[in-house]
Amino acid sequence: MTRLQGLRSIEPLCAAAGVSRASYYRGALRGAPKASEMALRDLVQRLSLAHRKYGARRITALIRRQGWPVNHKRIERIRKADNLLCVPKKAFRPATTNSRHAWPIWPNLAGKLVPTGTDQLWVADITYVRLAEAFVYLAVILDAFSRKVVGWAMENHLRAELALTALERALQSRQVQAGGLVHHSDRGVQYASGGYVQRLLEAKIQPSMSRIARPTDNAMAESFMKTLKAEEVDGRLYRDLDHARTDIGRFIDQVYNRQRLHSALRYQSPEEFEAAYIENLSTAPVDRLQRPTATTTTVAY
């Protein structure tokens, strides 16, 4: 067609093809991709490759940060067309909780709390990490308001010292108001042990534990563990404990706390969300959550 256009005008060609001149130009414009569409597709490809574990909604949030007024459905169509799908999660998760012990069980207070600020509700959990020839275990504590990991520890055992180290690091990193914080966990022996509960009570922190056969009672901590496995651990081969501790520590401190976008935080990272909260407090103080009182069993040490 191009060579013929150099020899003859467009009108006879349109007449021979049975189309109007206007229809010819409209078809030519539709056939050529717009520069903006190509730029958006290029951006989607680059971000999807840089964040292989992100789905369409988080990629959309990243693109919006660069000034593109797009919705997740459009980004999802582009990703499907270019086969840019996120890496799937693995479903297997071995048990790390032993709730068959003689220590007192504390009532579940977390279900009654909707935190309106930081350090009102902490959630704790333990998971495994596979090494080349063994397993190690990670204990974490998150602030339920911002989803930030405020304390963590990794060891090659499941003794109570693992959870206690994570707790000590959380207490060192935060300014806890006496009587203003609830610590929620499962009923595992690490959290119910006398040493762990004693440290909570010394810090004027109220213990709280999930109900029997109710994993959703600690859903926020479980969600973090799934994110960790999907975006850092799965597909990795750690040589030893030090290697795992270094790489997972980097993910927690630099990626998860500072960079990872959370849909529950309006697609902000935990540190961004906390910074915005502190800024709002300086102009319009927010009343702290009024906590329900609960009768608890006195622990004998």
Protein backbone atom coordinates (compact mmCIF):
# COMPACT_ATOMS: atom_id res chain seq x y z
CA MET A 1 0.00 0.00 0.00
CA THR A 2 2.81 2.45 0.86
CA ARG A 3 4.57 2.00 -2.49
CA LEU A 4 1.30 2.47 -4.39
CA GLN A 5 0.59 5.66 -2.43
CA GLY A 6 3.81 7.12 -3.86
CA LEU A 7 2.49 6.61 -7.38
CA ARG A 8 -1.18 7.50 -7.02
CA SER A 9 -3.29 9.79 -4.85
CA ILE A 10 -5.27 8.34 -1.93
CA GLU A 11 -8.75 9.01 -3.41
CA PRO A 12 -8.59 6.39 -6.20
CA LEU A 13 -7.22 3.83 -3.75
CA CYS A 14 -10.07 4.48 -1.31
CA ALA A 15 -12.57 4.23 -4.17
CA ALA A 16 -11.08 0.92 -5.30
CA ALA A 17 -11.27 -0.42 -1.75
CA GLY A 18 -14.82 0.85 -1.27
CA VAL A 19 -14.06 3.08 1.74
CA SER A 20 -14.14 6.80 2.26
CA ARG A 21 -10.99 8.84 2.77
CA ALA A 22 -12.06 9.70 6.34
CA SER A 23 -12.59 6.01 7.14
CA TYR A 24 -9.13 5.21 5.81
CA TYR A 25 -7.44 7.73 8.12
CA ARG A 26 -9.52 6.67 11.12
CA GLY A 27 -8.45 3.07 10.59
CA ALA A 28 -4.81 4.07 10.27
CA LEU A 29 -4.97 5.99 13.54
CA ARG A 30 -6.66 3.10 15.32
CA GLY A 31 -4.03 0.68 14.11
CA ALA A 32 -1.11 2.71 15.47
CA PRO A 33 -0.67 2.44 19.26
CA LYS A 34 -0.64 5.73 21.10
CA ALA A 35 2.62 6.90 22.62
CA SER A 36 0.98 7.17 26.06
CA GLU A 37 -0.29 3.58 25.88
CA MET A 38 3.15 2.32 24.94
CA ALA A 39 4.73 4.31 27.78
CA LEU A 40 2.23 2.87 30.27
CA ARG A 41 2.82 -0.69 29.07
CA ASP A 42 6.56 -0.17 29.37
CA LEU A 43 6.13 1.10 32.93
CA VAL A 44 3.89 -1.86 33.85
CA GLN A 45 6.47 -4.28 32.49
CA ARG A 46 9.36 -2.66 34.35
CA LEU A 47 7.50 -2.49 37.67
CA SER A 48 6.16 -6.03 37.35
CA LEU A 49 9.65 -7.38 36.77
CA ALA A 50 11.07 -5.33 39.64
CA HIS A 51 8.29 -6.47 42.01
CA ARG A 52 7.65 -10.05 40.93
CA LYS A 53 5.46 -10.84 43.93
CA TYR A 54 3.15 -7.80 43.51
CA GLY A 55 -0.36 -8.24 42.12
CA ALA A 56 -2.25 -5.81 39.89
CA ARG A 57 -3.49 -3.61 42.75
CA ARG A 58 -0.04 -2.94 44.22
CA ILE A 59 1.45 -2.35 40.78
CA THR A 60 -1.41 0.10 40.18
CA ALA A 61 -0.56 1.93 43.40
CA LEU A 62 3.08 2.25 42.30
CA ILE A 63 2.01 3.58 38.89
CA ARG A 64 -0.35 6.12 40.46
CA ARG A 65 2.55 7.40 42.53
CA GLN A 66 4.22 8.32 39.24
CA GLY A 67 1.23 10.40 38.15
CA TRP A 68 -0.72 7.95 35.98
CA PRO A 69 -4.52 8.14 36.56
CA VAL A 70 -5.19 4.43 36.01
CA ASN A 71 -7.27 1.80 37.79
CA HIS A 72 -6.30 -1.75 38.67
CA LYS A 73 -8.53 -3.29 35.99
CA ARG A 74 -6.61 -1.60 33.20
CA ILE A 75 -3.28 -2.65 34.73
CA GLU A 76 -4.57 -6.20 35.14
CA ARG A 77 -5.50 -6.34 31.44
CA ILE A 78 -2.02 -5.17 30.44
CA ARG A 79 -0.35 -7.67 32.76
CA LYS A 80 -2.45 -10.56 31.43
CA ALA A 81 -1.80 -9.55 27.82
CA ASP A 82 1.95 -9.51 28.49
CA ASN A 83 1.87 -12.61 30.74
CA LEU A 84 3.15 -10.62 33.72
CA LEU A 85 1.65 -12.66 36.54
CA CYS A 86 2.93 -12.59 40.11
CA VAL A 87 4.73 -15.59 41.58
CA PRO A 88 2.16 -17.84 43.34
CA LYS A 89 2.31 -18.58 47.02
CA LYS A 90 2.98 -22.01 48.51
CA ALA A 91 0.26 -23.37 50.76
CA PHE A 92 2.33 -25.61 53.05
CA ARG A 93 2.99 -24.24 56.53
CA PRO A 94 4.16 -26.56 59.31
CA ALA A 95 2.90 -26.11 62.84
CA THR A 96 5.17 -24.21 65.24
CA THR A 97 2.69 -23.94 68.11
CA ASN A 98 2.47 -26.26 71.09
CA SER A 99 -0.59 -25.28 73.12
CA ARG A 100 -0.58 -28.42 75.30
CA HIS A 101 0.99 -27.06 78.45
CA ALA A 102 0.10 -26.27 82.04
CA TRP A 103 0.62 -22.49 81.87
CA PRO A 104 -2.43 -20.23 82.36
CA ILE A 105 -4.33 -19.12 79.25
CA TRP A 106 -5.23 -15.45 78.99
CA PRO A 107 -8.55 -14.22 77.54
CA ASN A 108 -8.77 -12.95 74.01
CA LEU A 109 -8.89 -9.15 74.10
CA ALA A 110 -7.77 -8.45 70.54
CA GLY A 111 -11.18 -9.13 69.02
CA LYS A 112 -12.63 -6.22 71.01
CA LEU A 113 -9.94 -3.72 70.03
CA VAL A 114 -9.78 -1.49 66.98
CA PRO A 115 -6.51 0.42 67.42
CA THR A 116 -6.65 4.13 66.65
CA GLY A 117 -2.93 4.71 67.13
CA THR A 118 0.41 3.02 67.51
CA ASP A 119 1.36 0.80 70.46
CA GLN A 120 -2.19 -0.03 71.45
CA LEU A 121 -2.22 -3.59 70.13
CA TRP A 122 0.75 -5.81 69.28
CA VAL A 123 0.37 -9.22 67.61
CA ALA A 124 3.01 -11.94 67.80
CA ASP A 125 3.69 -15.19 65.97
CA ILE A 126 6.41 -17.74 65.12
CA THR A 127 7.13 -19.45 61.80
CA TYR A 128 9.77 -21.75 60.33
CA VAL A 129 12.37 -20.95 57.66
CA ARG A 130 14.00 -23.70 55.62
CA LEU A 131 17.79 -23.77 55.31
CA ALA A 132 19.82 -25.96 53.00
CA GLU A 133 19.87 -28.84 55.49
CA ALA A 134 17.83 -27.74 58.51
CA PHE A 135 15.08 -25.45 59.83
CA VAL A 136 15.31 -22.25 61.84
CA TYR A 137 12.53 -20.27 63.45
CA LEU A 138 11.46 -16.64 63.27
CA ALA A 139 9.49 -14.81 65.96
CA VAL A 140 7.94 -11.44 65.11
CA ILE A 141 5.87 -8.76 66.84
CA LEU A 142 3.80 -6.34 64.75
CA ASP A 143 1.99 -3.14 65.67
CA ALA A 144 -1.62 -3.83 64.64
CA PHE A 145 -2.27 -0.18 63.79
CA SER A 146 0.52 0.25 61.22
CA ARG A 147 1.45 -3.40 60.47
CA LYS A 148 5.04 -2.48 61.25
CA VAL A 149 7.36 -5.18 62.57
CA VAL A 150 8.55 -3.69 65.86
CA GLY A 151 10.57 -6.69 67.06
CA TRP A 152 11.88 -9.95 65.63
CA ALA A 153 14.36 -12.72 66.39
CA MET A 154 15.60 -15.83 64.60
CA GLU A 155 17.18 -18.93 66.15
CA ASN A 156 17.58 -22.65 65.49
CA HIS A 157 15.21 -23.59 68.35
CA LEU A 158 11.64 -23.01 69.53
CA ARG A 159 12.37 -22.32 73.18
CA ALA A 160 10.74 -19.38 74.94
CA GLU A 161 13.96 -17.36 74.63
CA LEU A 162 13.22 -16.94 70.91
CA ALA A 163 9.94 -15.11 71.55
CA LEU A 164 11.40 -13.25 74.52
CA THR A 165 14.24 -11.83 72.41
CA ALA A 166 11.73 -10.48 69.90
CA LEU A 167 9.75 -8.93 72.75
CA GLU A 168 12.83 -7.25 74.23
CA ARG A 169 13.70 -5.75 70.85
CA ALA A 170 10.15 -4.46 70.48
CA LEU A 171 10.28 -2.83 73.91
CA GLN A 172 13.60 -1.19 73.03
CA SER A 173 12.30 0.19 69.73
CA ARG A 174 9.00 1.66 70.98
CA GLN A 175 7.74 4.03 73.66
CA VAL A 176 5.10 1.94 75.42
CA GLN A 177 2.55 3.64 77.66
CA ALA A 178 2.02 1.70 80.87
CA GLY A 179 -1.39 0.03 80.80
CA GLY A 180 -2.07 1.18 77.25
CA LEU A 181 -0.96 -1.85 75.26
CA VAL A 182 -2.40 -5.32 74.64
CA HIS A 183 -0.06 -8.10 73.45
CA HIS A 184 -1.91 -10.79 71.47
CA SER A 185 -0.57 -14.21 70.47
CA ASP A 186 -1.63 -17.80 70.05
CA ARG A 187 -1.64 -20.20 73.01
CA GLY A 188 1.84 -21.53 72.29
CA VAL A 189 4.05 -22.44 75.22
CA GLN A 190 6.55 -19.73 74.25
CA TYR A 191 3.98 -16.98 74.91
CA ALA A 192 2.28 -18.62 77.88
CA SER A 193 5.52 -19.40 79.73
CA GLY A 194 6.15 -17.73 83.06
CA GLY A 195 9.18 -15.77 81.87
CA TYR A 196 7.39 -14.28 78.88
CA VAL A 197 4.21 -13.34 80.76
CA GLN A 198 6.27 -11.90 83.62
CA ARG A 199 8.12 -9.62 81.18
CA LEU A 200 4.81 -8.41 79.76
CA LEU A 201 3.42 -7.63 83.19
CA GLU A 202 6.64 -5.88 84.23
CA ALA A 203 6.18 -3.57 81.23
CA LYS A 204 2.49 -3.04 82.18
CA ILE A 205 1.36 -4.83 78.99
CA GLN A 206 -1.88 -6.84 79.03
CA PRO A 207 -1.51 -10.41 77.66
CA SER A 208 -4.14 -11.72 75.25
CA MET A 209 -4.42 -15.11 73.53
CA SER A 210 -6.42 -16.62 70.68
CA ARG A 211 -9.29 -19.00 71.26
CA ILE A 212 -9.01 -22.71 70.58
CA ALA A 213 -9.05 -23.63 66.87
CA ARG A 214 -9.49 -19.98 65.82
CA PRO A 215 -6.48 -19.06 63.64
CA THR A 216 -8.35 -15.96 62.48
CA ASP A 217 -7.93 -14.52 65.98
CA ASN A 218 -4.32 -13.79 65.03
CA ALA A 219 -4.96 -13.17 61.35
CA MET A 220 -2.74 -10.08 61.09
CA ALA A 221 0.37 -11.93 62.24
CA GLU A 222 -0.53 -14.88 60.00
CA SER A 223 -0.87 -12.47 57.07
CA PHE A 224 2.61 -11.10 57.67
CA MET A 225 4.08 -14.61 57.72
CA LYS A 226 2.43 -15.38 54.37
CA THR A 227 3.82 -12.17 52.91
CA LEU A 228 7.29 -13.01 54.20
CA LYS A 229 7.16 -16.50 52.70
CA ALA A 230 5.81 -15.31 49.34
CA GLU A 231 8.02 -12.26 48.85
CA GLU A 232 11.28 -13.30 50.51
CA VAL A 233 11.60 -16.92 51.65
CA ASP A 234 9.99 -19.01 48.90
CA GLY A 235 12.46 -19.86 46.17
CA ARG A 236 15.46 -18.84 48.29
CA LEU A 237 18.13 -21.17 49.62
CA TYR A 238 19.80 -19.92 52.79
CA ARG A 239 23.18 -21.47 53.58
CA ASP A 240 22.92 -21.21 57.34
CA LEU A 241 21.31 -19.28 60.20
CA ASP A 242 23.48 -16.18 59.72
CA HIS A 243 22.64 -16.03 56.02
CA ALA A 244 18.90 -16.34 56.71
CA ARG A 245 19.06 -13.82 59.55
CA THR A 246 20.84 -11.25 57.35
CA ASP A 247 18.57 -11.56 54.32
CA ILE A 248 15.31 -11.78 56.24
CA GLY A 249 16.38 -8.92 58.49
CA ARG A 250 17.02 -6.82 55.40
CA PHE A 251 13.58 -7.70 54.04
CA ILE A 252 11.83 -6.80 57.30
CA ASP A 253 13.69 -3.57 58.01
CA GLN A 254 14.23 -2.17 54.52
CA VAL A 255 11.55 -3.69 52.29
CA TYR A 256 8.53 -4.59 54.43
CA ASN A 257 8.64 -1.73 56.97
CA ARG A 258 9.83 1.00 54.60
CA GLN A 259 8.77 0.12 51.06
CA ARG A 260 6.03 -2.50 50.84
CA LEU A 261 2.61 -1.07 50.05
CA HIS A 262 -0.34 -2.33 52.15
CA SER A 263 -3.89 -2.16 50.87
CA ALA A 264 -5.13 -1.83 54.47
CA LEU A 265 -2.90 1.26 54.88
CA ARG A 266 -4.22 2.99 51.75
CA TYR A 267 -1.25 1.64 49.81
CA GLN A 268 1.38 3.11 52.08
CA SER A 269 4.27 1.36 53.78
CA PRO A 270 4.09 0.89 57.58
CA GLU A 271 6.64 3.64 58.20
CA GLU A 272 4.86 6.03 55.83
CA PHE A 273 1.58 5.30 57.59
CA GLU A 274 3.08 5.92 61.03
CA ALA A 275 4.74 9.14 59.84
CA ALA A 276 1.39 10.42 58.52
CA TYR A 277 -0.26 9.46 61.81
CA ILE A 278 2.34 11.38 63.84
CA GLU A 279 1.97 14.40 61.56
CA ASN A 280 -1.80 14.35 62.04
CA LEU A 281 -1.36 14.15 65.80
CA SER A 282 0.65 17.37 65.76
CA THR A 283 -2.29 19.26 64.23
CA ALA A 284 -5.36 17.34 65.42
CA PRO A 285 -4.71 15.03 68.38
CA VAL A 286 -6.58 11.75 68.26
CA ASP A 287 -8.17 10.36 71.42
CA ARG A 288 -6.58 7.12 72.47
CA LEU A 289 -8.65 3.97 72.36
CA GLN A 290 -10.68 3.22 75.48
CA ARG A 291 -9.85 -0.39 76.27
CA PRO A 292 -12.23 -2.86 77.85
CA THR A 293 -11.16 -4.24 81.17
CA ALA A 294 -10.75 -7.98 81.44
CA THR A 295 -10.42 -10.36 84.34
CA THR A 296 -7.25 -12.40 83.97
CA THR A 297 -5.78 -15.32 85.80
CA THR A 298 -2.96 -14.47 88.18
CA VAL A 299 0.21 -16.23 87.15
CA ALA A 300 2.32 -17.88 89.85
CA TYR A 301 6.05 -17.56 89.16
